[in-house]
Amino acid sequence: MNSDERAAVHAALAAAVSASLGAAAAKQSLGRVLRAADAGPIAVTRNGTVEAYLVSARWLEGGPRPLATRPGAGATRDLLDARAAEAHRDDLRRERLSRQLRAKDPSARRAAKGRLNQWERDGMLDREVIREWREILALPRSQGAARACAESAHARLLRKSSPFIGLAA
């Protein structure tokens, strides 16, 4: 595989990441992490830097084939389609998260804090990500929403590990 193909595969995996967690947590809870990978690739981090992606065979079989197995002519189009789909999913995540963080009813924020505590106990999420979410939840509603819903690559990655996922908007 040449460097362009490697870069395309890396970009596709980074765009599809469903969660991020630390290497120690991945090692300690491999069974749970493997099940979680069915929802999409998981970025495994060390000191805040992505070291590896864990990809489930089930996810690959049920979703689009990895770019490395596709003919070269369609790889660029497939990559652009994957990026457009991920951008759309992120727009939906950002809108929902903004509503949840700005809500006057504190129940969703309490549930999110409880989820962060559980994830920390289970070692399911990188400590740095948990710290950042706690900071966001400690901010006034509008400031927390602005920080979590920013257009930056870092905020997009943070939204993929939102403790609000699955909570009512």
Foldseek 3Di string as FASTA:
>chain_A
DDPVLVVLLVLLQLLFALAEAEPVLCVVPVVVVQVVLLSDWYFYDDPPHGDDIDHHPNNCVVDPHGLVPDDPVCSVVVSVVSNVVSVVVLVVLLVQVLCLLQDPDCPLLVQLLVLLVVCVVSRPHYPVLSVVLVVLSPDRSNSSSCVLNPPDPVSSNSSSHGSNVPPDD
